[in-house]
Protein backbone atom coordinates (compact mmCIF):
# COMPACT_ATOMS: atom_id res chain seq x y z
CA MET A 1 41.19 -67.26 106.45
CA THR A 2 42.83 -65.11 103.86
CA VAL A 3 44.16 -61.62 104.32
CA MET A 4 43.84 -59.24 101.39
CA ARG A 5 46.72 -56.80 100.85
CA SER A 6 46.63 -53.43 99.14
CA THR A 7 49.10 -52.73 96.34
CA SER A 8 49.82 -49.23 97.65
CA PRO A 9 51.41 -48.73 101.11
CA TYR A 10 49.48 -45.44 101.44
CA ASN A 11 46.03 -46.83 100.73
CA ILE A 12 45.53 -49.37 103.53
CA THR A 13 42.05 -50.20 104.80
CA MET A 14 40.77 -52.50 107.55
CA ASN A 15 39.91 -55.06 104.85
CA ASP A 16 43.60 -55.11 103.92
CA THR A 17 44.83 -55.86 107.43
CA LEU A 18 42.15 -57.92 109.19
CA PRO A 19 41.33 -61.53 108.28
CA HIS A 20 37.86 -62.16 106.87
CA PRO A 21 35.82 -64.30 109.31
CA GLU A 22 34.33 -67.52 108.05
CA PRO A 23 30.51 -67.63 107.97
CA LEU A 24 28.84 -69.35 110.92
CA ASP A 25 28.01 -73.02 110.42
CA GLN A 26 24.25 -73.07 111.08
CA SER A 27 24.07 -76.90 111.14
CA MET A 28 24.24 -76.96 114.97
CA SER A 29 21.68 -74.18 115.42
CA ALA A 30 18.65 -76.43 115.99
CA GLU A 31 20.50 -78.67 118.45
CA LEU A 32 21.87 -75.69 120.40
CA GLN A 33 18.41 -74.10 120.53
CA HIS A 34 16.95 -77.39 121.79
CA LEU A 35 19.56 -77.51 124.58
CA ILE A 36 18.70 -73.94 125.59
CA ASP A 37 14.94 -74.54 125.43
CA THR A 38 15.04 -77.72 127.56
CA LYS A 39 16.82 -76.15 130.53
CA THR A 40 14.73 -76.08 133.72
CA LYS A 41 13.25 -72.62 133.17
CA PRO A 42 10.28 -71.08 131.40
CA LEU A 43 10.78 -71.05 127.62
CA GLY A 44 12.49 -67.82 126.52
CA SER A 45 12.72 -66.45 130.06
CA PHE A 46 16.39 -65.45 129.72
CA GLY A 47 15.61 -63.32 126.66
CA ARG A 48 18.74 -61.85 125.06
CA LEU A 49 21.01 -64.21 127.01
CA GLU A 50 19.50 -67.17 125.18
CA SER A 51 20.23 -65.73 121.73
CA LEU A 52 23.70 -64.74 122.89
CA GLY A 53 24.32 -68.30 124.12
CA LEU A 54 23.24 -69.62 120.73
CA GLN A 55 25.63 -67.26 118.93
CA ILE A 56 28.53 -68.20 121.22
CA GLY A 57 27.91 -71.91 120.59
CA LEU A 58 27.89 -71.34 116.83
CA VAL A 59 31.06 -69.23 116.91
CA GLN A 60 32.89 -71.79 119.08
CA ARG A 61 31.38 -74.68 117.06
CA THR A 62 30.48 -76.65 120.15
CA LEU A 63 27.41 -77.69 122.15
CA LYS A 64 29.28 -76.93 125.41
CA SER A 65 30.61 -73.42 124.92
CA ARG A 66 32.74 -71.66 127.53
CA ILE A 67 34.04 -68.17 128.06
CA GLU A 68 37.31 -68.46 129.98
CA GLN A 69 37.96 -64.83 130.96
CA PRO A 70 34.88 -62.69 130.37
CA ALA A 71 35.41 -58.94 130.24
CA ILE A 72 33.42 -55.79 129.61
CA MET A 73 34.76 -52.83 127.68
CA ALA A 74 33.06 -49.43 127.78
CA LEU A 75 33.81 -46.73 125.23
CA LEU A 76 32.83 -43.35 126.64
CA PRO A 77 32.95 -39.95 124.95
CA LYS A 78 35.36 -37.34 126.29
CA ALA A 79 33.67 -34.83 128.56
């Protein structure tokens, strides 16, 4: 990953400071989907969780993805 830097210290954007993520490698997509589809459950019964599992596998580049310390963050408006 490369980080792009601005020439002016007063004109900094998120693109200047954050690394650019690499595109997902879709080569494992079919195999991951097959693993999800062949679980002992009705096809597609987990809905959004199945597509999320596919995305996590692609991001982690593995057929056996894990989330070590899951967390939820809520951003609420001030009352």
